[in-house]
């Protein structure tokens, strides 16, 4: 993982402005206004006026396909999007309004990346074989620490109180209002023994 300053330096030095990152981007092909090539071009040239290209970073799913497959120069538009999302959010820049009915790119089907070729590029073909599933010894698990921030968006807000009894699958934290986030569920039954700003702790032995 390279620091942002190193990423920016490499972008300025090596970006070919070839658009392969955008033409391969699954979100772009689905019709969303995400243009990694414009973002990389603006970063390389020091342009800050193209606001739609920067706010489009909010739409990036961070799948990393642009970095591990598309870019022939080994650059990482995904990391640039991740950095921008953090900085835009910290600056209070709002997410772009979603399209009412995005239309998929007419070449979307032809631009899908073959899974086998992607695996070869990642060097994981040799690991593509059936694996034995390990059995979870639930009796040995006494303490569950459920992080409130383990997803994209804002941290979840606890909806249970300390001392409450929760069952397996019960929500223990939810997104606040209409903010982007995810619901956190209890994987096992137990008692809530601790709640803080970072996690909900469940004792399964009580």
N, C-alpha and C. Protein backbone atom coordinates (compact mmCIF):
# COMPACT_ATOMS: atom_id res chain seq x y z
N UNK A 1 0.84 -1.19 0.00
CA UNK A 1 0.00 0.00 0.00
C UNK A 1 0.88 1.24 0.00
N UNK A 2 0.72 2.08 -1.04
CA UNK A 2 1.57 3.24 -1.18
C UNK A 2 0.91 4.46 -0.53
N UNK A 3 1.71 5.37 0.06
CA UNK A 3 1.14 6.59 0.64
C UNK A 3 0.55 7.47 -0.45
N UNK A 4 -0.44 8.33 -0.12
CA UNK A 4 -1.10 9.17 -1.13
C UNK A 4 -0.12 10.03 -1.92
N UNK A 5 0.91 10.56 -1.26
CA UNK A 5 1.87 11.41 -1.96
C UNK A 5 2.61 10.63 -3.04
N UNK A 6 2.93 9.36 -2.75
CA UNK A 6 3.61 8.52 -3.73
C UNK A 6 2.67 8.20 -4.89
N UNK A 7 1.40 7.92 -4.58
CA UNK A 7 0.41 7.65 -5.62
C UNK A 7 0.29 8.85 -6.55
N UNK A 8 0.22 10.05 -5.98
CA UNK A 8 0.07 11.26 -6.79
C UNK A 8 1.30 11.48 -7.66
N UNK A 9 2.48 11.27 -7.11
CA UNK A 9 3.71 11.43 -7.88
C UNK A 9 3.75 10.46 -9.07
N UNK A 10 3.38 9.21 -8.84
CA UNK A 10 3.38 8.22 -9.91
C UNK A 10 2.32 8.53 -10.96
N UNK A 11 1.18 9.06 -10.52
CA UNK A 11 0.13 9.43 -11.48
C UNK A 11 0.61 10.53 -12.41
N UNK A 12 1.26 11.54 -11.85
CA UNK A 12 1.78 12.64 -12.67
C UNK A 12 2.84 12.15 -13.64
N UNK A 13 3.62 11.17 -13.23
CA UNK A 13 4.74 10.71 -14.06
C UNK A 13 4.34 9.67 -15.10
N UNK A 14 3.32 8.85 -14.80
CA UNK A 14 3.11 7.67 -15.64
C UNK A 14 1.74 7.56 -16.29
N UNK A 15 0.73 8.33 -15.86
CA UNK A 15 -0.61 8.16 -16.43
C UNK A 15 -0.60 8.49 -17.92
N UNK A 16 -1.10 7.54 -18.73
CA UNK A 16 -1.12 7.70 -20.19
C UNK A 16 -2.40 8.34 -20.69
N UNK A 17 -3.37 8.56 -19.81
CA UNK A 17 -4.68 9.11 -20.18
C UNK A 17 -5.36 8.24 -21.24
N UNK A 18 -5.24 6.93 -21.07
CA UNK A 18 -5.74 5.98 -22.07
C UNK A 18 -7.20 5.62 -21.87
N UNK A 19 -7.78 5.92 -20.71
CA UNK A 19 -9.19 5.67 -20.39
C UNK A 19 -9.51 4.20 -20.12
N UNK A 20 -8.51 3.32 -20.06
CA UNK A 20 -8.80 1.91 -19.80
C UNK A 20 -9.43 1.70 -18.43
N UNK A 21 -9.04 2.53 -17.45
CA UNK A 21 -9.62 2.38 -16.11
C UNK A 21 -11.12 2.65 -16.13
N UNK A 22 -11.54 3.66 -16.90
CA UNK A 22 -12.97 3.97 -17.00
C UNK A 22 -13.70 2.94 -17.84
N UNK A 23 -13.09 2.52 -18.93
CA UNK A 23 -13.76 1.57 -19.82
C UNK A 23 -13.93 0.19 -19.18
N UNK A 24 -13.16 -0.09 -18.13
CA UNK A 24 -13.27 -1.37 -17.43
C UNK A 24 -14.11 -1.26 -16.16
N UNK A 25 -14.30 -0.05 -15.66
CA UNK A 25 -14.97 0.18 -14.37
C UNK A 25 -16.40 -0.36 -14.38
N UNK A 26 -16.73 -1.32 -13.51
CA UNK A 26 -18.09 -1.88 -13.47
C UNK A 26 -19.16 -0.83 -13.16
N UNK A 27 -18.84 0.14 -12.32
CA UNK A 27 -19.82 1.17 -11.97
C UNK A 27 -20.11 2.08 -13.16
N UNK A 28 -19.07 2.43 -13.92
CA UNK A 28 -19.26 3.22 -15.13
C UNK A 28 -20.09 2.46 -16.14
N UNK A 29 -19.80 1.17 -16.31
CA UNK A 29 -20.53 0.36 -17.29
C UNK A 29 -21.99 0.18 -16.90
N UNK A 30 -22.29 0.30 -15.61
CA UNK A 30 -23.69 0.21 -15.17
C UNK A 30 -24.44 1.52 -15.39
N UNK A 31 -23.73 2.58 -15.77
CA UNK A 31 -24.38 3.84 -16.06
C UNK A 31 -24.17 4.93 -15.03
N UNK A 32 -23.34 4.67 -14.03
CA UNK A 32 -23.10 5.68 -13.00
C UNK A 32 -22.06 6.69 -13.47
N UNK A 33 -22.13 7.88 -12.90
CA UNK A 33 -21.24 8.98 -13.32
C UNK A 33 -19.90 8.90 -12.57
N UNK A 34 -19.18 7.86 -12.85
CA UNK A 34 -17.86 7.64 -12.26
C UNK A 34 -16.85 7.53 -13.40
N UNK A 35 -15.87 8.45 -13.41
CA UNK A 35 -14.90 8.51 -14.50
C UNK A 35 -13.48 8.51 -13.92
N UNK A 36 -12.93 7.33 -13.65
CA UNK A 36 -11.57 7.27 -13.08
C UNK A 36 -10.52 7.95 -13.94
N UNK A 37 -10.67 7.90 -15.27
CA UNK A 37 -9.65 8.50 -16.14
C UNK A 37 -9.63 10.02 -15.98
N UNK A 38 -10.80 10.64 -15.84
CA UNK A 38 -10.85 12.09 -15.63
C UNK A 38 -10.24 12.46 -14.28
N UNK A 39 -10.52 11.64 -13.29
CA UNK A 39 -9.95 11.88 -11.97
C UNK A 39 -8.42 11.82 -12.03
N UNK A 40 -7.88 10.77 -12.65
CA UNK A 40 -6.43 10.62 -12.73
C UNK A 40 -5.81 11.73 -13.57
N UNK A 41 -6.49 12.11 -14.64
CA UNK A 41 -5.98 13.19 -15.50
C UNK A 41 -5.94 14.51 -14.73
N UNK A 42 -6.99 14.78 -13.95
CA UNK A 42 -7.04 16.02 -13.18
C UNK A 42 -5.97 16.04 -12.09
N UNK A 43 -5.77 14.89 -11.44
CA UNK A 43 -4.73 14.81 -10.41
C UNK A 43 -3.35 15.03 -11.03
N UNK A 44 -3.14 14.45 -12.20
CA UNK A 44 -1.83 14.58 -12.85
C UNK A 44 -1.55 16.01 -13.28
N UNK A 45 -2.62 16.72 -13.72
CA UNK A 45 -2.44 18.08 -14.22
C UNK A 45 -2.66 19.14 -13.15
N UNK A 46 -3.09 18.72 -11.96
CA UNK A 46 -3.35 19.69 -10.90
C UNK A 46 -4.61 20.50 -11.12
N UNK A 47 -5.58 19.93 -11.83
CA UNK A 47 -6.84 20.63 -12.12
C UNK A 47 -7.84 20.35 -10.99
N UNK A 48 -8.47 21.40 -10.49
CA UNK A 48 -9.44 21.24 -9.40
C UNK A 48 -10.83 21.73 -9.78
N UNK A 49 -11.02 22.25 -11.00
CA UNK A 49 -12.31 22.81 -11.39
C UNK A 49 -13.32 21.75 -11.81
N UNK A 50 -12.85 20.57 -12.18
CA UNK A 50 -13.75 19.52 -12.67
C UNK A 50 -14.39 18.80 -11.48
N UNK A 51 -15.32 19.48 -10.81
CA UNK A 51 -15.91 18.95 -9.58
C UNK A 51 -16.65 17.63 -9.78
N UNK A 52 -17.42 17.44 -10.88
CA UNK A 52 -18.11 16.14 -11.05
C UNK A 52 -17.16 14.95 -11.08
N UNK A 53 -15.96 15.14 -11.63
CA UNK A 53 -15.00 14.03 -11.67
C UNK A 53 -14.53 13.67 -10.27
N UNK A 54 -14.41 14.67 -9.41
CA UNK A 54 -13.95 14.41 -8.04
C UNK A 54 -15.07 13.83 -7.17
N UNK A 55 -16.28 14.42 -7.25
CA UNK A 55 -17.39 13.90 -6.44
C UNK A 55 -17.83 12.52 -6.92
N UNK A 56 -17.48 12.16 -8.15
CA UNK A 56 -17.78 10.82 -8.63
C UNK A 56 -17.06 9.74 -7.84
N UNK A 57 -16.02 10.14 -7.09
CA UNK A 57 -15.30 9.18 -6.25
C UNK A 57 -16.22 8.53 -5.22
N UNK A 58 -17.27 9.26 -4.82
CA UNK A 58 -18.24 8.70 -3.87
C UNK A 58 -18.90 7.44 -4.42
N UNK A 59 -18.98 7.32 -5.74
CA UNK A 59 -19.68 6.20 -6.37
C UNK A 59 -18.80 4.97 -6.53
N UNK A 60 -17.51 5.10 -6.23
CA UNK A 60 -16.58 3.98 -6.40
C UNK A 60 -16.85 2.91 -5.36
N UNK A 61 -16.97 1.67 -5.80
CA UNK A 61 -17.19 0.55 -4.88
C UNK A 61 -15.88 -0.03 -4.36
N UNK A 62 -14.75 0.51 -4.84
CA UNK A 62 -13.41 0.07 -4.42
C UNK A 62 -13.17 -1.40 -4.72
N UNK A 63 -13.68 -1.86 -5.86
CA UNK A 63 -13.45 -3.26 -6.25
C UNK A 63 -12.00 -3.49 -6.65
N UNK A 64 -11.32 -2.41 -7.08
CA UNK A 64 -9.91 -2.50 -7.42
C UNK A 64 -9.61 -3.04 -8.80
N UNK A 65 -10.63 -3.24 -9.63
CA UNK A 65 -10.40 -3.79 -10.97
C UNK A 65 -9.54 -2.86 -11.81
N UNK A 66 -9.72 -1.56 -11.63
CA UNK A 66 -8.93 -0.60 -12.39
C UNK A 66 -7.44 -0.73 -12.07
N UNK A 67 -7.14 -1.05 -10.81
CA UNK A 67 -5.74 -1.11 -10.38
C UNK A 67 -5.08 -2.44 -10.73
N UNK A 68 -5.78 -3.55 -10.49
CA UNK A 68 -5.15 -4.87 -10.66
C UNK A 68 -5.27 -5.41 -12.08
N UNK A 69 -6.14 -4.80 -12.90
CA UNK A 69 -6.35 -5.37 -14.24
C UNK A 69 -6.24 -4.33 -15.36
N UNK A 70 -6.90 -3.17 -15.19
CA UNK A 70 -7.04 -2.25 -16.31
C UNK A 70 -5.77 -1.44 -16.59
N UNK A 71 -5.18 -0.85 -15.57
CA UNK A 71 -4.08 0.09 -15.79
C UNK A 71 -2.80 -0.62 -16.22
N UNK A 72 -2.32 -0.27 -17.41
CA UNK A 72 -1.10 -0.91 -17.93
C UNK A 72 0.16 -0.33 -17.30
N UNK A 73 0.01 0.77 -16.56
CA UNK A 73 1.16 1.41 -15.92
C UNK A 73 1.25 1.08 -14.43
N UNK A 74 0.35 0.24 -13.95
CA UNK A 74 0.41 -0.15 -12.55
C UNK A 74 -0.05 0.91 -11.58
N UNK A 75 -0.83 1.89 -12.06
CA UNK A 75 -1.36 2.93 -11.17
C UNK A 75 -2.61 2.42 -10.46
N UNK A 76 -3.08 3.18 -9.49
CA UNK A 76 -4.18 2.72 -8.64
C UNK A 76 -5.27 3.78 -8.53
N UNK A 77 -6.15 3.90 -9.54
CA UNK A 77 -7.26 4.85 -9.44
C UNK A 77 -8.17 4.56 -8.25
N UNK A 78 -8.28 3.30 -7.86
CA UNK A 78 -9.10 2.93 -6.72
C UNK A 78 -8.60 3.60 -5.45
N UNK A 79 -7.29 3.61 -5.25
CA UNK A 79 -6.71 4.27 -4.08
C UNK A 79 -6.95 5.77 -4.12
N UNK A 80 -6.89 6.35 -5.33
CA UNK A 80 -7.17 7.78 -5.47
C UNK A 80 -8.62 8.08 -5.10
N UNK A 81 -9.54 7.22 -5.54
CA UNK A 81 -10.95 7.40 -5.17
C UNK A 81 -11.14 7.27 -3.66
N UNK A 82 -10.47 6.30 -3.06
CA UNK A 82 -10.59 6.10 -1.62
C UNK A 82 -10.10 7.33 -0.85
N UNK A 83 -8.97 7.87 -1.28
CA UNK A 83 -8.41 9.06 -0.64
C UNK A 83 -9.35 10.25 -0.80
N UNK A 84 -9.90 10.40 -2.01
CA UNK A 84 -10.80 11.52 -2.27
C UNK A 84 -12.08 11.42 -1.46
N UNK A 85 -12.62 10.21 -1.33
CA UNK A 85 -13.84 10.05 -0.54
C UNK A 85 -13.62 10.51 0.89
N UNK A 86 -12.48 10.16 1.46
CA UNK A 86 -12.17 10.56 2.83
C UNK A 86 -12.04 12.07 2.94
N UNK A 87 -11.35 12.68 1.98
CA UNK A 87 -11.12 14.13 2.06
C UNK A 87 -12.39 14.92 1.74
N UNK A 88 -13.18 14.46 0.78
CA UNK A 88 -14.43 15.14 0.47
C UNK A 88 -15.40 15.06 1.63
N UNK A 89 -15.46 13.89 2.25
CA UNK A 89 -16.35 13.71 3.40
C UNK A 89 -15.92 14.59 4.55
N UNK A 90 -14.60 14.68 4.80
CA UNK A 90 -14.09 15.52 5.88
C UNK A 90 -14.35 17.00 5.61
N UNK A 91 -14.37 17.38 4.33
CA UNK A 91 -14.61 18.78 3.96
C UNK A 91 -16.10 19.11 3.87
N UNK A 92 -16.95 18.10 4.04
CA UNK A 92 -18.39 18.34 4.00
C UNK A 92 -18.97 18.44 2.60
N UNK A 93 -18.24 17.96 1.60
CA UNK A 93 -18.75 17.98 0.22
C UNK A 93 -19.78 16.88 0.07
N UNK A 94 -21.01 17.20 -0.36
CA UNK A 94 -22.07 16.18 -0.43
C UNK A 94 -21.87 15.20 -1.57
N UNK A 95 -22.51 14.05 -1.42
CA UNK A 95 -22.51 13.06 -2.49
C UNK A 95 -23.33 13.57 -3.66
N UNK A 96 -22.99 13.20 -4.90
CA UNK A 96 -23.82 13.61 -6.04
C UNK A 96 -25.19 12.96 -5.99
N UNK A 97 -26.18 13.67 -6.49
CA UNK A 97 -27.54 13.13 -6.51
C UNK A 97 -27.58 11.89 -7.42
N UNK A 98 -28.21 10.81 -6.97
CA UNK A 98 -28.26 9.60 -7.81
C UNK A 98 -29.13 9.79 -9.04
N UNK A 99 -28.77 9.12 -10.10
CA UNK A 99 -29.58 9.15 -11.32
C UNK A 99 -30.87 8.39 -11.10
N UNK A 100 -31.97 8.91 -11.63
CA UNK A 100 -33.26 8.24 -11.46
C UNK A 100 -33.28 6.90 -12.17
N UNK A 101 -32.73 6.85 -13.36
CA UNK A 101 -32.73 5.59 -14.11
C UNK A 101 -31.44 5.49 -14.93
N UNK A 102 -30.34 5.08 -14.29
CA UNK A 102 -29.08 4.94 -15.03
C UNK A 102 -29.18 3.86 -16.10
N UNK A 103 -28.59 4.15 -17.24
CA UNK A 103 -28.61 3.20 -18.35
C UNK A 103 -27.22 2.58 -18.51
N UNK A 104 -27.19 1.27 -18.60
CA UNK A 104 -25.92 0.57 -18.76
C UNK A 104 -25.27 0.93 -20.09
N UNK A 105 -23.96 0.96 -20.11
CA UNK A 105 -23.21 1.26 -21.33
C UNK A 105 -23.51 0.18 -22.37
N UNK A 106 -23.63 0.61 -23.65
CA UNK A 106 -24.01 -0.35 -24.69
C UNK A 106 -22.91 -1.38 -24.95
N UNK A 107 -21.69 -1.15 -24.47
CA UNK A 107 -20.62 -2.13 -24.61
C UNK A 107 -20.35 -2.86 -23.29
N UNK A 108 -21.25 -2.74 -22.32
CA UNK A 108 -21.00 -3.29 -20.98
C UNK A 108 -20.75 -4.80 -21.02
N UNK A 109 -21.53 -5.52 -21.79
CA UNK A 109 -21.40 -6.98 -21.84
C UNK A 109 -20.05 -7.38 -22.41
N UNK A 110 -19.60 -6.67 -23.44
CA UNK A 110 -18.33 -7.02 -24.09
C UNK A 110 -17.11 -6.61 -23.26
N UNK A 111 -17.31 -5.71 -22.32
CA UNK A 111 -16.18 -5.24 -21.51
C UNK A 111 -16.06 -5.96 -20.17
N UNK A 112 -16.85 -6.97 -19.96
CA UNK A 112 -16.71 -7.75 -18.73
C UNK A 112 -15.36 -8.45 -18.72
N UNK A 113 -14.74 -8.51 -17.56
CA UNK A 113 -13.42 -9.12 -17.43
C UNK A 113 -13.58 -10.62 -17.16
N UNK A 114 -12.94 -11.47 -17.96
CA UNK A 114 -13.00 -12.92 -17.70
C UNK A 114 -12.41 -13.25 -16.33
N UNK A 115 -13.17 -13.97 -15.53
CA UNK A 115 -12.73 -14.27 -14.16
C UNK A 115 -11.41 -15.04 -14.16
N UNK A 116 -11.29 -16.00 -15.07
CA UNK A 116 -10.06 -16.81 -15.11
C UNK A 116 -8.84 -15.96 -15.43
N UNK A 117 -9.01 -15.01 -16.33
CA UNK A 117 -7.88 -14.14 -16.69
C UNK A 117 -7.53 -13.22 -15.52
N UNK A 118 -8.55 -12.75 -14.83
CA UNK A 118 -8.29 -11.92 -13.65
C UNK A 118 -7.56 -12.72 -12.58
N UNK A 119 -7.96 -13.96 -12.39
CA UNK A 119 -7.28 -14.82 -11.41
C UNK A 119 -5.81 -15.02 -11.79
N UNK A 120 -5.56 -15.19 -13.09
CA UNK A 120 -4.18 -15.36 -13.55
C UNK A 120 -3.37 -14.09 -13.30
N UNK A 121 -4.00 -12.94 -13.53
CA UNK A 121 -3.31 -11.67 -13.29
C UNK A 121 -2.97 -11.48 -11.81
N UNK A 122 -3.86 -11.97 -10.96
CA UNK A 122 -3.66 -11.86 -9.51
C UNK A 122 -2.74 -12.95 -8.97
N UNK A 123 -2.48 -13.98 -9.78
CA UNK A 123 -1.61 -15.07 -9.35
C UNK A 123 -2.25 -16.00 -8.35
N UNK A 124 -3.57 -16.23 -8.49
CA UNK A 124 -4.27 -17.08 -7.52
C UNK A 124 -4.87 -18.33 -8.17
N UNK A 125 -4.52 -18.61 -9.42
CA UNK A 125 -5.09 -19.77 -10.11
C UNK A 125 -4.77 -21.06 -9.37
N UNK A 126 -3.57 -21.16 -8.84
CA UNK A 126 -3.16 -22.39 -8.16
C UNK A 126 -3.96 -22.66 -6.89
N UNK A 127 -4.61 -21.63 -6.37
CA UNK A 127 -5.40 -21.80 -5.15
C UNK A 127 -6.87 -22.10 -5.45
N UNK A 128 -7.22 -22.16 -6.73
CA UNK A 128 -8.61 -22.40 -7.12
C UNK A 128 -8.93 -23.89 -7.05
N UNK A 129 -9.18 -24.36 -5.86
CA UNK A 129 -9.52 -25.76 -5.65
C UNK A 129 -10.44 -25.86 -4.43
N UNK A 130 -11.21 -26.93 -4.33
CA UNK A 130 -12.13 -27.06 -3.19
C UNK A 130 -11.38 -27.04 -1.86
N UNK A 131 -11.95 -26.36 -0.90
CA UNK A 131 -11.33 -26.27 0.42
C UNK A 131 -12.27 -26.86 1.46
N UNK A 132 -11.70 -27.51 2.43
CA UNK A 132 -12.50 -28.06 3.51
C UNK A 132 -12.94 -26.95 4.46
N UNK A 133 -14.18 -27.03 4.85
CA UNK A 133 -14.71 -26.03 5.78
C UNK A 133 -14.42 -26.45 7.22
N UNK A 134 -13.86 -25.53 7.96
CA UNK A 134 -13.58 -25.80 9.37
C UNK A 134 -14.86 -25.61 10.18
N UNK A 135 -15.08 -26.48 11.12
CA UNK A 135 -16.25 -26.38 11.98
C UNK A 135 -15.96 -25.40 13.12
N UNK A 136 -16.91 -24.50 13.33
CA UNK A 136 -16.76 -23.50 14.38
C UNK A 136 -17.22 -24.08 15.71
N UNK A 137 -16.33 -24.06 16.66
CA UNK A 137 -16.65 -24.53 18.01
C UNK A 137 -17.28 -23.38 18.78
N UNK A 138 -18.61 -23.29 18.70
CA UNK A 138 -19.30 -22.18 19.36
C UNK A 138 -19.16 -22.22 20.87
N UNK A 139 -18.90 -23.40 21.41
CA UNK A 139 -18.75 -23.50 22.85
C UNK A 139 -17.50 -22.82 23.37
N UNK A 140 -16.50 -22.67 22.51
CA UNK A 140 -15.25 -22.04 22.93
C UNK A 140 -15.29 -20.52 22.79
N UNK A 141 -16.34 -19.99 22.15
CA UNK A 141 -16.45 -18.55 21.95
C UNK A 141 -17.24 -17.94 23.10
N UNK A 142 -16.58 -17.10 23.90
CA UNK A 142 -17.25 -16.50 25.06
C UNK A 142 -17.47 -15.00 24.89
N UNK A 143 -16.66 -14.37 24.07
CA UNK A 143 -16.72 -12.90 23.98
C UNK A 143 -16.70 -12.47 22.52
N UNK A 144 -17.72 -11.74 22.11
CA UNK A 144 -17.84 -11.24 20.74
C UNK A 144 -17.69 -9.73 20.75
N UNK A 145 -16.77 -9.21 19.95
CA UNK A 145 -16.58 -7.77 19.82
C UNK A 145 -17.07 -7.37 18.43
N UNK A 146 -18.22 -6.72 18.37
CA UNK A 146 -18.84 -6.34 17.10
C UNK A 146 -18.53 -4.88 16.81
N UNK A 147 -17.64 -4.64 15.86
CA UNK A 147 -17.24 -3.28 15.52
C UNK A 147 -18.39 -2.52 14.86
N UNK A 148 -18.54 -1.26 15.22
CA UNK A 148 -19.60 -0.43 14.65
C UNK A 148 -19.20 0.16 13.30
N UNK A 149 -17.92 0.10 12.97
CA UNK A 149 -17.43 0.62 11.70
C UNK A 149 -16.68 -0.49 11.00
N UNK A 150 -17.41 -1.34 10.25
CA UNK A 150 -16.80 -2.41 9.48
C UNK A 150 -17.38 -2.44 8.07
N UNK A 151 -17.73 -1.25 7.57
CA UNK A 151 -18.40 -1.14 6.28
C UNK A 151 -18.16 0.26 5.72
N UNK A 152 -18.61 0.49 4.50
CA UNK A 152 -18.53 1.82 3.91
C UNK A 152 -19.57 2.72 4.54
N UNK A 153 -19.26 4.01 4.65
CA UNK A 153 -20.21 4.95 5.21
C UNK A 153 -19.96 5.25 6.67
N UNK A 154 -21.00 5.73 7.34
CA UNK A 154 -20.89 6.14 8.74
C UNK A 154 -20.97 4.94 9.68
N UNK A 155 -20.37 5.05 10.86
CA UNK A 155 -20.48 3.95 11.84
C UNK A 155 -21.93 3.71 12.24
N UNK A 156 -22.25 2.47 12.55
CA UNK A 156 -23.60 2.15 13.01
C UNK A 156 -23.79 2.65 14.44
N UNK A 157 -25.05 2.88 14.80
CA UNK A 157 -25.39 3.37 16.13
C UNK A 157 -26.04 2.23 16.92
N UNK A 158 -25.56 1.94 18.13
CA UNK A 158 -26.15 0.83 18.91
C UNK A 158 -27.64 1.02 19.15
N UNK A 159 -28.40 -0.06 19.03
CA UNK A 159 -29.85 -0.04 19.28
C UNK A 159 -30.19 -0.94 20.47
N UNK A 160 -29.19 -1.43 21.17
CA UNK A 160 -29.39 -2.24 22.37
C UNK A 160 -28.69 -1.55 23.54
N UNK A 161 -29.06 -1.93 24.74
CA UNK A 161 -28.46 -1.34 25.92
C UNK A 161 -27.58 -2.36 26.64
N UNK A 162 -26.69 -1.85 27.46
CA UNK A 162 -25.85 -2.72 28.26
C UNK A 162 -26.72 -3.56 29.20
N UNK A 163 -26.45 -4.85 29.23
CA UNK A 163 -27.23 -5.76 30.05
C UNK A 163 -28.36 -6.45 29.32
N UNK A 164 -28.62 -6.01 28.08
CA UNK A 164 -29.72 -6.61 27.31
C UNK A 164 -29.34 -8.00 26.83
N UNK A 165 -30.34 -8.84 26.69
CA UNK A 165 -30.16 -10.19 26.15
C UNK A 165 -30.49 -10.14 24.66
N UNK A 166 -29.57 -10.62 23.82
CA UNK A 166 -29.79 -10.62 22.38
C UNK A 166 -29.75 -12.05 21.86
N UNK A 167 -30.47 -12.28 20.80
CA UNK A 167 -30.51 -13.59 20.17
C UNK A 167 -29.68 -13.58 18.89
N UNK A 168 -29.36 -14.75 18.38
CA UNK A 168 -28.57 -14.85 17.15
C UNK A 168 -29.33 -14.22 15.99
N UNK A 169 -28.66 -13.34 15.25
CA UNK A 169 -29.28 -12.67 14.11
C UNK A 169 -29.98 -11.38 14.46
N UNK A 170 -30.04 -11.01 15.72
CA UNK A 170 -30.74 -9.79 16.13
C UNK A 170 -29.87 -8.56 15.83
N UNK A 171 -30.45 -7.49 15.27
CA UNK A 171 -29.67 -6.27 15.04
C UNK A 171 -29.25 -5.64 16.37
N UNK A 172 -27.98 -5.27 16.46
CA UNK A 172 -27.48 -4.61 17.66
C UNK A 172 -27.06 -3.16 17.37
N UNK A 173 -26.91 -2.82 16.09
CA UNK A 173 -26.56 -1.45 15.70
C UNK A 173 -27.07 -1.21 14.29
N UNK A 174 -27.53 0.02 14.03
CA UNK A 174 -28.10 0.37 12.74
C UNK A 174 -27.60 1.73 12.29
N UNK A 175 -27.68 2.04 10.97
CA UNK A 175 -27.29 3.37 10.49
C UNK A 175 -28.20 4.43 11.09
N UNK A 176 -27.65 5.60 11.31
CA UNK A 176 -28.43 6.70 11.89
C UNK A 176 -29.18 7.44 10.80
N UNK A 177 -30.51 7.50 10.92
CA UNK A 177 -31.33 8.21 9.95
C UNK A 177 -31.18 7.64 8.55
N UNK A 178 -30.92 8.53 7.58
CA UNK A 178 -30.77 8.09 6.19
C UNK A 178 -29.30 8.08 5.76
N UNK A 179 -28.39 8.02 6.73
CA UNK A 179 -26.96 8.01 6.40
C UNK A 179 -26.56 6.65 5.83
N UNK A 180 -25.56 6.69 4.96
CA UNK A 180 -25.03 5.46 4.37
C UNK A 180 -24.36 4.63 5.44
N UNK A 181 -24.69 3.34 5.51
CA UNK A 181 -24.10 2.47 6.51
C UNK A 181 -24.62 1.06 6.38
N UNK A 182 -24.48 0.27 7.43
CA UNK A 182 -24.94 -1.11 7.42
C UNK A 182 -25.40 -1.51 8.82
N UNK A 183 -26.31 -2.47 8.85
CA UNK A 183 -26.82 -3.00 10.11
C UNK A 183 -25.83 -4.04 10.64
N UNK A 184 -25.54 -3.99 11.93
CA UNK A 184 -24.66 -4.97 12.58
C UNK A 184 -25.52 -5.93 13.38
N UNK A 185 -25.37 -7.23 13.12
CA UNK A 185 -26.18 -8.25 13.77
C UNK A 185 -25.33 -9.07 14.76
N UNK A 186 -26.00 -9.63 15.73
CA UNK A 186 -25.34 -10.53 16.68
C UNK A 186 -25.24 -11.92 16.07
N UNK A 187 -24.03 -12.47 15.90
CA UNK A 187 -23.90 -13.80 15.30
C UNK A 187 -24.30 -14.92 16.24
N UNK A 188 -24.30 -14.64 17.54
CA UNK A 188 -24.67 -15.65 18.54
C UNK A 188 -25.47 -14.98 19.64
N UNK A 189 -26.23 -15.78 20.38
CA UNK A 189 -27.00 -15.26 21.50
C UNK A 189 -26.09 -14.97 22.69
N UNK A 190 -26.47 -13.99 23.50
CA UNK A 190 -25.68 -13.65 24.68
C UNK A 190 -26.17 -12.37 25.31
N UNK A 191 -25.42 -11.88 26.27
CA UNK A 191 -25.74 -10.64 26.97
C UNK A 191 -24.77 -9.54 26.57
N UNK A 192 -25.31 -8.34 26.37
CA UNK A 192 -24.48 -7.18 26.05
C UNK A 192 -23.80 -6.71 27.33
N UNK A 193 -22.47 -6.78 27.34
CA UNK A 193 -21.73 -6.44 28.56
C UNK A 193 -20.98 -5.11 28.44
N UNK A 194 -20.86 -4.60 27.22
CA UNK A 194 -20.12 -3.35 27.05
C UNK A 194 -20.52 -2.68 25.74
N UNK A 195 -20.66 -1.37 25.78
CA UNK A 195 -20.96 -0.57 24.59
C UNK A 195 -20.12 0.70 24.65
N UNK A 196 -19.38 0.98 23.57
CA UNK A 196 -18.66 2.24 23.48
C UNK A 196 -18.80 2.79 22.07
N UNK A 197 -17.99 3.77 21.71
CA UNK A 197 -18.12 4.41 20.40
C UNK A 197 -17.61 3.53 19.27
N UNK A 198 -16.90 2.47 19.59
CA UNK A 198 -16.30 1.64 18.55
C UNK A 198 -16.92 0.26 18.42
N UNK A 199 -17.52 -0.28 19.48
CA UNK A 199 -17.97 -1.67 19.41
C UNK A 199 -19.05 -1.96 20.43
N UNK A 200 -19.77 -3.06 20.15
CA UNK A 200 -20.71 -3.65 21.10
C UNK A 200 -20.13 -5.01 21.48
N UNK A 201 -19.98 -5.26 22.77
CA UNK A 201 -19.37 -6.50 23.25
C UNK A 201 -20.45 -7.40 23.84
N UNK A 202 -20.47 -8.66 23.38
CA UNK A 202 -21.47 -9.63 23.83
C UNK A 202 -20.77 -10.80 24.51
N UNK A 203 -21.26 -11.16 25.67
CA UNK A 203 -20.77 -12.33 26.39
C UNK A 203 -21.72 -13.48 26.10
N UNK A 204 -21.23 -14.50 25.39
CA UNK A 204 -22.09 -15.61 24.99
C UNK A 204 -22.18 -16.69 26.05
N UNK A 205 -21.38 -16.58 27.09
CA UNK A 205 -21.39 -17.62 28.11
C UNK A 205 -22.33 -17.33 29.25
N UNK A 206 -22.91 -16.12 29.25
CA UNK A 206 -23.78 -15.75 30.36
C UNK A 206 -25.24 -16.02 30.02
